[in-house]
N, C-alpha and C. Protein backbone atom coordinates (compact mmCIF):
# COMPACT_ATOMS: atom_id res chain seq x y z
N MET A 1 0.81 -1.20 0.00
CA MET A 1 0.00 0.00 0.00
C MET A 1 0.85 1.26 0.00
N THR A 2 1.82 1.36 0.94
CA THR A 2 2.65 2.55 1.00
C THR A 2 4.10 2.25 0.65
N ASN A 3 4.38 1.06 0.17
CA ASN A 3 5.75 0.62 -0.05
C ASN A 3 6.53 1.59 -0.94
N GLY A 4 7.64 2.09 -0.40
CA GLY A 4 8.51 2.97 -1.15
C GLY A 4 8.08 4.42 -1.18
N LYS A 5 6.89 4.74 -0.72
CA LYS A 5 6.43 6.13 -0.72
C LYS A 5 6.86 6.80 0.58
N ASN A 6 7.20 8.10 0.49
CA ASN A 6 7.52 8.85 1.70
C ASN A 6 6.29 8.90 2.60
N ILE A 7 6.53 8.83 3.90
CA ILE A 7 5.48 8.91 4.89
C ILE A 7 5.55 10.30 5.53
N HIS A 8 4.43 11.01 5.54
CA HIS A 8 4.41 12.37 6.06
C HIS A 8 3.62 12.44 7.36
N VAL A 9 4.13 13.22 8.31
CA VAL A 9 3.41 13.56 9.54
C VAL A 9 3.01 15.02 9.36
N VAL A 10 1.71 15.26 9.22
CA VAL A 10 1.23 16.60 8.87
C VAL A 10 0.16 17.08 9.85
N PRO A 11 0.08 18.41 10.05
CA PRO A 11 -0.99 18.94 10.90
C PRO A 11 -2.34 18.72 10.23
N HIS A 12 -3.34 18.44 11.07
CA HIS A 12 -4.69 18.23 10.54
C HIS A 12 -5.69 18.68 11.60
N GLY A 13 -6.33 19.81 11.36
CA GLY A 13 -7.26 20.35 12.34
C GLY A 13 -6.53 20.65 13.63
N SER A 14 -7.02 20.10 14.74
CA SER A 14 -6.34 20.31 16.02
C SER A 14 -5.39 19.16 16.35
N GLY A 15 -5.18 18.24 15.41
CA GLY A 15 -4.31 17.10 15.64
C GLY A 15 -3.30 16.91 14.52
N TRP A 16 -2.90 15.67 14.33
CA TRP A 16 -1.88 15.31 13.35
C TRP A 16 -2.30 14.06 12.59
N GLN A 17 -1.86 13.98 11.33
CA GLN A 17 -2.13 12.80 10.50
C GLN A 17 -0.83 12.19 10.01
N VAL A 18 -0.89 10.88 9.83
CA VAL A 18 0.18 10.14 9.16
C VAL A 18 -0.39 9.72 7.83
N LYS A 19 0.33 10.07 6.74
CA LYS A 19 -0.18 9.69 5.43
C LYS A 19 0.96 9.52 4.43
N PRO A 20 0.81 8.56 3.52
CA PRO A 20 1.83 8.36 2.49
C PRO A 20 1.73 9.47 1.45
N GLU A 21 2.84 9.74 0.82
CA GLU A 21 2.89 10.76 -0.22
C GLU A 21 1.90 10.41 -1.33
N GLY A 22 1.02 11.36 -1.64
CA GLY A 22 0.05 11.16 -2.70
C GLY A 22 -1.14 10.31 -2.32
N GLY A 23 -1.25 9.95 -1.05
CA GLY A 23 -2.36 9.09 -0.64
C GLY A 23 -3.17 9.69 0.47
N GLY A 24 -4.20 8.97 0.86
CA GLY A 24 -5.05 9.41 1.95
C GLY A 24 -4.45 9.10 3.30
N PRO A 25 -5.04 9.62 4.37
CA PRO A 25 -4.48 9.40 5.70
C PRO A 25 -4.50 7.94 6.12
N VAL A 26 -3.46 7.55 6.85
CA VAL A 26 -3.37 6.21 7.40
C VAL A 26 -3.91 6.22 8.83
N SER A 27 -3.56 7.29 9.58
CA SER A 27 -4.03 7.38 10.97
C SER A 27 -4.07 8.83 11.42
N ASN A 28 -4.90 9.09 12.43
CA ASN A 28 -5.03 10.42 13.04
C ASN A 28 -4.57 10.34 14.48
N HIS A 29 -3.93 11.42 14.96
CA HIS A 29 -3.37 11.44 16.31
C HIS A 29 -3.62 12.78 16.97
N ARG A 30 -3.69 12.74 18.28
CA ARG A 30 -3.92 13.95 19.04
C ARG A 30 -2.66 14.79 19.15
N THR A 31 -1.49 14.12 19.26
CA THR A 31 -0.23 14.84 19.42
C THR A 31 0.72 14.53 18.26
N GLN A 32 1.65 15.45 18.05
CA GLN A 32 2.64 15.24 17.00
C GLN A 32 3.54 14.06 17.36
N GLY A 33 3.86 13.91 18.63
CA GLY A 33 4.73 12.82 19.07
C GLY A 33 4.16 11.45 18.76
N SER A 34 2.88 11.26 19.02
CA SER A 34 2.29 9.95 18.73
C SER A 34 2.20 9.72 17.22
N ALA A 35 1.97 10.79 16.46
CA ALA A 35 1.96 10.67 15.00
C ALA A 35 3.35 10.32 14.48
N GLU A 36 4.39 10.92 15.06
CA GLU A 36 5.76 10.62 14.66
C GLU A 36 6.09 9.15 14.93
N ASP A 37 5.70 8.65 16.09
CA ASP A 37 5.96 7.24 16.43
C ASP A 37 5.29 6.31 15.42
N ALA A 38 4.03 6.59 15.11
CA ALA A 38 3.30 5.75 14.14
C ALA A 38 3.91 5.87 12.75
N GLY A 39 4.28 7.08 12.37
CA GLY A 39 4.88 7.30 11.06
C GLY A 39 6.23 6.62 10.93
N ARG A 40 7.00 6.66 12.01
CA ARG A 40 8.32 6.03 12.00
C ARG A 40 8.20 4.52 11.82
N ARG A 41 7.27 3.91 12.54
CA ARG A 41 7.06 2.45 12.39
C ARG A 41 6.66 2.12 10.95
N LEU A 42 5.77 2.92 10.38
CA LEU A 42 5.32 2.68 9.01
C LEU A 42 6.46 2.87 8.01
N ALA A 43 7.27 3.90 8.20
CA ALA A 43 8.40 4.15 7.30
C ALA A 43 9.42 3.01 7.39
N GLN A 44 9.66 2.51 8.60
CA GLN A 44 10.60 1.40 8.76
C GLN A 44 10.08 0.13 8.09
N GLN A 45 8.79 -0.14 8.25
CA GLN A 45 8.19 -1.33 7.64
C GLN A 45 8.24 -1.27 6.12
N ASN A 46 8.12 -0.06 5.57
CA ASN A 46 8.03 0.11 4.12
C ASN A 46 9.34 0.58 3.49
N HIS A 47 10.41 0.66 4.28
CA HIS A 47 11.72 1.08 3.77
C HIS A 47 11.59 2.40 3.01
N SER A 48 11.02 3.38 3.66
CA SER A 48 10.80 4.67 3.02
C SER A 48 11.30 5.79 3.92
N GLU A 49 11.01 7.01 3.55
CA GLU A 49 11.47 8.17 4.29
C GLU A 49 10.33 8.76 5.10
N LEU A 50 10.62 9.16 6.32
CA LEU A 50 9.66 9.83 7.18
C LEU A 50 9.90 11.33 7.07
N VAL A 51 8.86 12.08 6.74
CA VAL A 51 8.95 13.54 6.59
C VAL A 51 8.03 14.15 7.65
N ILE A 52 8.63 14.87 8.59
CA ILE A 52 7.87 15.47 9.69
C ILE A 52 7.70 16.96 9.41
N HIS A 53 6.46 17.42 9.46
CA HIS A 53 6.14 18.82 9.17
C HIS A 53 5.92 19.60 10.46
N ARG A 54 6.09 20.90 10.38
CA ARG A 54 5.78 21.82 11.49
C ARG A 54 4.28 22.12 11.47
N PRO A 55 3.76 22.74 12.53
CA PRO A 55 2.34 23.11 12.53
C PRO A 55 1.94 24.01 11.36
N ASN A 56 2.90 24.80 10.82
CA ASN A 56 2.58 25.67 9.68
C ASN A 56 2.73 24.95 8.34
N GLY A 57 3.07 23.67 8.36
CA GLY A 57 3.18 22.88 7.14
C GLY A 57 4.58 22.74 6.58
N GLN A 58 5.53 23.57 7.05
CA GLN A 58 6.90 23.46 6.56
C GLN A 58 7.54 22.17 7.06
N ILE A 59 8.49 21.66 6.29
CA ILE A 59 9.20 20.44 6.69
C ILE A 59 10.15 20.78 7.84
N ARG A 60 10.05 20.01 8.90
CA ARG A 60 10.89 20.20 10.08
C ARG A 60 12.06 19.22 10.09
N ASP A 61 11.80 17.98 9.66
CA ASP A 61 12.83 16.95 9.76
C ASP A 61 12.52 15.81 8.80
N LYS A 62 13.57 15.06 8.43
CA LYS A 62 13.41 13.88 7.59
C LYS A 62 14.30 12.77 8.14
N ASP A 63 13.79 11.56 8.12
CA ASP A 63 14.55 10.38 8.50
C ASP A 63 14.35 9.32 7.44
N SER A 64 15.45 8.74 6.97
CA SER A 64 15.36 7.74 5.92
C SER A 64 15.50 6.34 6.49
N TYR A 65 14.57 5.48 6.11
CA TYR A 65 14.61 4.08 6.51
C TYR A 65 14.65 3.18 5.29
N GLY A 66 15.04 3.75 4.15
CA GLY A 66 15.08 3.01 2.90
C GLY A 66 16.44 2.45 2.62
N ASN A 67 16.62 2.05 1.40
CA ASN A 67 17.89 1.51 0.95
C ASN A 67 18.76 2.65 0.47
N ASP A 68 19.48 3.28 1.39
CA ASP A 68 20.36 4.38 1.04
C ASP A 68 21.55 3.85 0.26
N PRO A 69 22.05 4.63 -0.67
CA PRO A 69 23.25 4.19 -1.40
C PRO A 69 24.42 4.08 -0.44
N PRO A 70 25.34 3.15 -0.71
CA PRO A 70 26.49 3.00 0.18
C PRO A 70 27.36 4.26 0.13
N ARG A 71 27.98 4.55 1.24
CA ARG A 71 28.87 5.72 1.28
C ARG A 71 30.08 5.46 0.40
N SER A 72 30.50 6.50 -0.27
CA SER A 72 31.69 6.34 -1.10
C SER A 72 32.92 6.30 -0.20
N LYS A 73 33.92 5.57 -0.63
CA LYS A 73 35.13 5.46 0.15
C LYS A 73 35.93 6.76 0.06
N ASP A 74 36.52 7.13 1.16
CA ASP A 74 37.34 8.33 1.21
C ASP A 74 38.63 8.06 0.45
N THR A 75 38.94 8.89 -0.52
CA THR A 75 40.15 8.69 -1.33
C THR A 75 41.32 9.52 -0.82
N LYS A 76 41.09 10.36 0.19
CA LYS A 76 42.18 11.15 0.76
C LYS A 76 42.94 10.30 1.75
N HIS A 77 44.25 10.53 1.81
CA HIS A 77 45.08 9.76 2.77
C HIS A 77 45.80 10.68 3.69
């Protein structure tokens, strides 16, 4: 259902919603903290990115739980 899509924690009325990018809400929460916890679990299960928004809608933070590319080796000695 949400596999590979970014998971957003967004303000909704007097609470917060967890929803995949381009999709409808997955869950509603009273506090941002509980929405973040639910969003984080969903992002980890789906190997995607968690995008946490501020009350004004701006992006506050991002956490990636996907398949990040391997770090390049340092060529300096």
